[in-house]
Amino acid sequence: MSPKELLYLEDALGHTKFLFSQCQEACNTLQDGALKKRASQMQDKHRQLYDSFYQTM
């Protein structure tokens, strides 16, 4: 893997981690059940993406 590709993966990891934390915060603050469920689904998806990016490195 080239240094530039590694930088792209590190950038993707950072963005995915940020989005995961935003979804986590939404899950903790939302009162509407449907919105909370959707935020939780998005949180799971970002966790999967993070793990996938991390394994690529």
PDB file of N, CA and C in Angstrom:
ATOM      1  N   MET A   1       0.851  -1.174   0.000  1.00  0.00           N
ATOM      2  CA  MET A   1       0.000   0.000   0.000  1.00  0.00           C
ATOM      3  C   MET A   1       0.900   1.241   0.000  1.00  0.00           C
ATOM      4  N   SER A   2       0.568   2.158  -0.860  1.00  0.00           N
ATOM      5  CA  SER A   2       1.384   3.375  -0.957  1.00  0.00           C
ATOM      6  C   SER A   2       1.097   4.316   0.216  1.00  0.00           C
ATOM      7  N   PRO A   3       2.009   5.218   0.494  1.00  0.00           N
ATOM      8  CA  PRO A   3       1.774   6.184   1.581  1.00  0.00           C
ATOM      9  C   PRO A   3       0.516   7.030   1.347  1.00  0.00           C
ATOM     10  N   LYS A   4       0.241   7.359   0.101  1.00  0.00           N
ATOM     11  CA  LYS A   4      -0.951   8.159  -0.196  1.00  0.00           C
ATOM     12  C   LYS A   4      -2.227   7.363   0.077  1.00  0.00           C
ATOM     13  N   GLU A   5      -2.221   6.090  -0.286  1.00  0.00           N
ATOM     14  CA  GLU A   5      -3.385   5.237  -0.002  1.00  0.00           C
ATOM     15  C   GLU A   5      -3.591   5.087   1.499  1.00  0.00           C
ATOM     16  N   LEU A   6      -2.509   4.972   2.235  1.00  0.00           N
ATOM     17  CA  LEU A   6      -2.601   4.876   3.691  1.00  0.00           C
ATOM     18  C   LEU A   6      -3.209   6.147   4.283  1.00  0.00           C
ATOM     19  N   LEU A   7      -2.833   7.295   3.740  1.00  0.00           N
ATOM     20  CA  LEU A   7      -3.418   8.556   4.203  1.00  0.00           C
ATOM     21  C   LEU A   7      -4.919   8.608   3.920  1.00  0.00           C
ATOM     22  N   TYR A   8      -5.332   8.096   2.760  1.00  0.00           N
ATOM     23  CA  TYR A   8      -6.762   8.052   2.444  1.00  0.00           C
ATOM     24  C   TYR A   8      -7.513   7.180   3.443  1.00  0.00           C
ATOM     25  N   LEU A   9      -6.933   6.030   3.780  1.00  0.00           N
ATOM     26  CA  LEU A   9      -7.579   5.148   4.756  1.00  0.00           C
ATOM     27  C   LEU A   9      -7.637   5.789   6.137  1.00  0.00           C
ATOM     28  N   GLU A  10      -6.578   6.449   6.530  1.00  0.00           N
ATOM     29  CA  GLU A  10      -6.585   7.127   7.830  1.00  0.00           C
ATOM     30  C   GLU A  10      -7.642   8.224   7.855  1.00  0.00           C
ATOM     31  N   ASP A  11      -7.788   8.924   6.756  1.00  0.00           N
ATOM     32  CA  ASP A  11      -8.809   9.971   6.651  1.00  0.00           C
ATOM     33  C   ASP A  11     -10.208   9.358   6.737  1.00  0.00           C
ATOM     34  N   ALA A  12     -10.407   8.252   6.027  1.00  0.00           N
ATOM     35  CA  ALA A  12     -11.706   7.575   6.056  1.00  0.00           C
ATOM     36  C   ALA A  12     -12.014   7.069   7.469  1.00  0.00           C
ATOM     37  N   LEU A  13     -11.006   6.554   8.159  1.00  0.00           N
ATOM     38  CA  LEU A  13     -11.195   6.103   9.541  1.00  0.00           C
ATOM     39  C   LEU A  13     -11.642   7.249  10.438  1.00  0.00           C
ATOM     40  N   GLY A  14     -11.001   8.389  10.277  1.00  0.00           N
ATOM     41  CA  GLY A  14     -11.348   9.547  11.100  1.00  0.00           C
ATOM     42  C   GLY A  14     -12.774  10.022  10.845  1.00  0.00           C
ATOM     43  N   HIS A  15     -13.163  10.077   9.580  1.00  0.00           N
ATOM     44  CA  HIS A  15     -14.514  10.521   9.249  1.00  0.00           C
ATOM     45  C   HIS A  15     -15.564   9.533   9.762  1.00  0.00           C
ATOM     46  N   THR A  16     -15.273   8.259   9.583  1.00  0.00           N
ATOM     47  CA  THR A  16     -16.225   7.235  10.028  1.00  0.00           C
ATOM     48  C   THR A  16     -16.352   7.229  11.537  1.00  0.00           C
ATOM     49  N   LYS A  17     -15.235   7.410  12.237  1.00  0.00           N
ATOM     50  CA  LYS A  17     -15.275   7.472  13.701  1.00  0.00           C
ATOM     51  C   LYS A  17     -16.083   8.683  14.171  1.00  0.00           C
ATOM     52  N   PHE A  18     -15.905   9.812  13.494  1.00  0.00           N
ATOM     53  CA  PHE A  18     -16.668  11.018  13.832  1.00  0.00           C
ATOM     54  C   PHE A  18     -18.167  10.788  13.622  1.00  0.00           C
ATOM     55  N   LEU A  19     -18.530  10.207  12.479  1.00  0.00           N
ATOM     56  CA  LEU A  19     -19.949   9.955  12.202  1.00  0.00           C
ATOM     57  C   LEU A  19     -20.538   8.955  13.197  1.00  0.00           C
ATOM     58  N   PHE A  20     -19.758   7.944  13.576  1.00  0.00           N
ATOM     59  CA  PHE A  20     -20.205   6.993  14.590  1.00  0.00           C
ATOM     60  C   PHE A  20     -20.516   7.720  15.895  1.00  0.00           C
ATOM     61  N   SER A  21     -19.613   8.613  16.311  1.00  0.00           N
ATOM     62  CA  SER A  21     -19.828   9.326  17.574  1.00  0.00           C
ATOM     63  C   SER A  21     -21.035  10.264  17.489  1.00  0.00           C
ATOM     64  N   GLN A  22     -21.275  10.857  16.333  1.00  0.00           N
ATOM     65  CA  GLN A  22     -22.447  11.716  16.160  1.00  0.00           C
ATOM     66  C   GLN A  22     -23.736  10.900  16.270  1.00  0.00           C
ATOM     67  N   CYS A  23     -23.744   9.723  15.668  1.00  0.00           N
ATOM     68  CA  CYS A  23     -24.915   8.852  15.776  1.00  0.00           C
ATOM     69  C   CYS A  23     -25.117   8.382  17.210  1.00  0.00           C
ATOM     70  N   GLN A  24     -24.021   8.094  17.890  1.00  0.00           N
ATOM     71  CA  GLN A  24     -24.097   7.677  19.290  1.00  0.00           C
ATOM     72  C   GLN A  24     -24.697   8.787  20.148  1.00  0.00           C
ATOM     73  N   GLU A  25     -24.263  10.004  19.905  1.00  0.00           N
ATOM     74  CA  GLU A  25     -24.808  11.150  20.641  1.00  0.00           C
ATOM     75  C   GLU A  25     -26.299  11.312  20.345  1.00  0.00           C
ATOM     76  N   ALA A  26     -26.678  11.135  19.090  1.00  0.00           N
ATOM     77  CA  ALA A  26     -28.091  11.241  18.712  1.00  0.00           C
ATOM     78  C   ALA A  26     -28.910  10.170  19.428  1.00  0.00           C
ATOM     79  N   CYS A  27     -28.388   8.961  19.502  1.00  0.00           N
ATOM     80  CA  CYS A  27     -29.102   7.877  20.194  1.00  0.00           C
ATOM     81  C   CYS A  27     -29.330   8.219  21.663  1.00  0.00           C
ATOM     82  N   ASN A  28     -28.375   8.891  22.249  1.00  0.00           N
ATOM     83  CA  ASN A  28     -28.480   9.234  23.668  1.00  0.00           C
ATOM     84  C   ASN A  28     -29.416  10.410  23.930  1.00  0.00           C
ATOM     85  N   THR A  29     -29.685  11.237  22.924  1.00  0.00           N
ATOM     86  CA  THR A  29     -30.484  12.439  23.166  1.00  0.00           C
ATOM     87  C   THR A  29     -31.862  12.410  22.526  1.00  0.00           C
ATOM     88  N   LEU A  30     -32.049  11.607  21.493  1.00  0.00           N
ATOM     89  CA  LEU A  30     -33.349  11.586  20.808  1.00  0.00           C
ATOM     90  C   LEU A  30     -34.425  10.958  21.691  1.00  0.00           C
ATOM     91  N   GLN A  31     -35.621  11.501  21.601  1.00  0.00           N
ATOM     92  CA  GLN A  31     -36.755  10.963  22.346  1.00  0.00           C
ATOM     93  C   GLN A  31     -37.677  10.138  21.448  1.00  0.00           C
ATOM     94  N   ASP A  32     -37.772  10.519  20.182  1.00  0.00           N
ATOM     95  CA  ASP A  32     -38.637   9.824  19.229  1.00  0.00           C
ATOM     96  C   ASP A  32     -38.064   8.433  18.942  1.00  0.00           C
ATOM     97  N   GLY A  33     -38.884   7.414  19.142  1.00  0.00           N
ATOM     98  CA  GLY A  33     -38.431   6.033  18.987  1.00  0.00           C
ATOM     99  C   GLY A  33     -37.949   5.701  17.587  1.00  0.00           C
ATOM    100  N   ALA A  34     -38.671   6.178  16.572  1.00  0.00           N
ATOM    101  CA  ALA A  34     -38.301   5.885  15.188  1.00  0.00           C
ATOM    102  C   ALA A  34     -36.968   6.540  14.828  1.00  0.00           C
ATOM    103  N   LEU A  35     -36.780   7.778  15.256  1.00  0.00           N
ATOM    104  CA  LEU A  35     -35.525   8.471  14.976  1.00  0.00           C
ATOM    105  C   LEU A  35     -34.366   7.823  15.733  1.00  0.00           C
ATOM    106  N   LYS A  36     -34.634   7.424  16.960  1.00  0.00           N
ATOM    107  CA  LYS A  36     -33.604   6.776  17.769  1.00  0.00           C
ATOM    108  C   LYS A  36     -33.182   5.450  17.137  1.00  0.00           C
ATOM    109  N   LYS A  37     -34.158   4.710  16.611  1.00  0.00           N
ATOM    110  CA  LYS A  37     -33.863   3.444  15.955  1.00  0.00           C
ATOM    111  C   LYS A  37     -33.025   3.669  14.703  1.00  0.00           C
ATOM    112  N   ARG A  38     -33.364   4.676  13.920  1.00  0.00           N
ATOM    113  CA  ARG A  38     -32.616   4.978  12.696  1.00  0.00           C
ATOM    114  C   ARG A  38     -31.190   5.429  13.033  1.00  0.00           C
ATOM    115  N   ALA A  39     -31.030   6.235  14.045  1.00  0.00           N
ATOM    116  CA  ALA A  39     -29.696   6.662  14.464  1.00  0.00           C
ATOM    117  C   ALA A  39     -28.864   5.462  14.918  1.00  0.00           C
ATOM    118  N   SER A  40     -29.497   4.529  15.589  1.00  0.00           N
ATOM    119  CA  SER A  40     -28.816   3.317  16.030  1.00  0.00           C
ATOM    120  C   SER A  40     -28.378   2.474  14.833  1.00  0.00           C
ATOM    121  N   GLN A  41     -29.241   2.379  13.820  1.00  0.00           N
ATOM    122  CA  GLN A  41     -28.888   1.641  12.608  1.00  0.00           C
ATOM    123  C   GLN A  41     -27.701   2.301  11.903  1.00  0.00           C
ATOM    124  N   MET A  42     -27.724   3.602  11.847  1.00  0.00           N
ATOM    125  CA  MET A  42     -26.622   4.331  11.220  1.00  0.00           C
ATOM    126  C   MET A  42     -25.336   4.158  12.020  1.00  0.00           C
ATOM    127  N   GLN A  43     -25.459   4.140  13.327  1.00  0.00           N
ATOM    128  CA  GLN A  43     -24.305   3.928  14.196  1.00  0.00           C
ATOM    129  C   GLN A  43     -23.688   2.555  13.913  1.00  0.00           C
ATOM    130  N   ASP A  44     -24.532   1.537  13.798  1.00  0.00           N
ATOM    131  CA  ASP A  44     -24.041   0.190  13.488  1.00  0.00           C
ATOM    132  C   ASP A  44     -23.330   0.156  12.138  1.00  0.00           C
ATOM    133  N   LYS A  45     -23.895   0.836  11.151  1.00  0.00           N
ATOM    134  CA  LYS A  45     -23.297   0.866   9.820  1.00  0.00           C
ATOM    135  C   LYS A  45     -21.921   1.543   9.851  1.00  0.00           C
ATOM    136  N   HIS A  46     -21.809   2.638  10.591  1.00  0.00           N
ATOM    137  CA  HIS A  46     -20.518   3.322  10.682  1.00  0.00           C
ATOM    138  C   HIS A  46     -19.498   2.478  11.441  1.00  0.00           C
ATOM    139  N   ARG A  47     -19.937   1.718  12.408  1.00  0.00           N
ATOM    140  CA  ARG A  47     -19.032   0.810  13.127  1.00  0.00           C
ATOM    141  C   ARG A  47     -18.515  -0.258  12.158  1.00  0.00           C
ATOM    142  N   GLN A  48     -19.411  -0.798  11.323  1.00  0.00           N
ATOM    143  CA  GLN A  48     -19.005  -1.804  10.339  1.00  0.00           C
ATOM    144  C   GLN A  48     -18.013  -1.220   9.332  1.00  0.00           C
ATOM    145  N   LEU A  49     -18.279  -0.006   8.874  1.00  0.00           N
ATOM    146  CA  LEU A  49     -17.371   0.652   7.938  1.00  0.00           C
ATOM    147  C   LEU A  49     -16.006   0.891   8.575  1.00  0.00           C
ATOM    148  N   TYR A  50     -16.012   1.347   9.814  1.00  0.00           N
ATOM    149  CA  TYR A  50     -14.763   1.589  10.532  1.00  0.00           C
ATOM    150  C   TYR A  50     -13.952   0.294  10.619  1.00  0.00           C
ATOM    151  N   ASP A  51     -14.613  -0.780  11.019  1.00  0.00           N
ATOM    152  CA  ASP A  51     -13.930  -2.069  11.139  1.00  0.00           C
ATOM    153  C   ASP A  51     -13.377  -2.525   9.791  1.00  0.00           C
ATOM    154  N   SER A  52     -14.143  -2.313   8.739  1.00  0.00           N
ATOM    155  CA  SER A  52     -13.713  -2.693   7.402  1.00  0.00           C
ATOM    156  C   SER A  52     -12.486  -1.889   6.963  1.00  0.00           C
ATOM    157  N   PHE A  53     -12.512  -0.575   7.179  1.00  0.00           N
ATOM    158  CA  PHE A  53     -11.365   0.254   6.845  1.00  0.00           C
ATOM    159  C   PHE A  53     -10.139  -0.158   7.673  1.00  0.00           C
ATOM    160  N   TYR A  54     -10.372  -0.421   8.948  1.00  0.00           N
ATOM    161  CA  TYR A  54      -9.270  -0.770   9.829  1.00  0.00           C
ATOM    162  C   TYR A  54      -8.612  -2.077   9.401  1.00  0.00           C
ATOM    163  N   GLN A  55      -9.426  -3.048   8.999  1.00  0.00           N
ATOM    164  CA  GLN A  55      -8.886  -4.342   8.553  1.00  0.00           C
ATOM    165  C   GLN A  55      -8.112  -4.200   7.248  1.00  0.00           C
ATOM    166  N   THR A  56      -8.468  -3.216   6.430  1.00  0.00           N
ATOM    167  CA  THR A  56      -7.763  -2.989   5.167  1.00  0.00           C
ATOM    168  C   THR A  56      -6.345  -2.524   5.404  1.00  0.00           C
ATOM    169  N   MET A  57      -6.161  -1.801   6.511  1.00  0.00           N
ATOM    170  CA  MET A  57      -4.818  -1.288   6.823  1.00  0.00           C
ATOM    171  C   MET A  57      -3.980  -2.448   7.263  1.00  0.00           C
TER     172      MET A  57
END
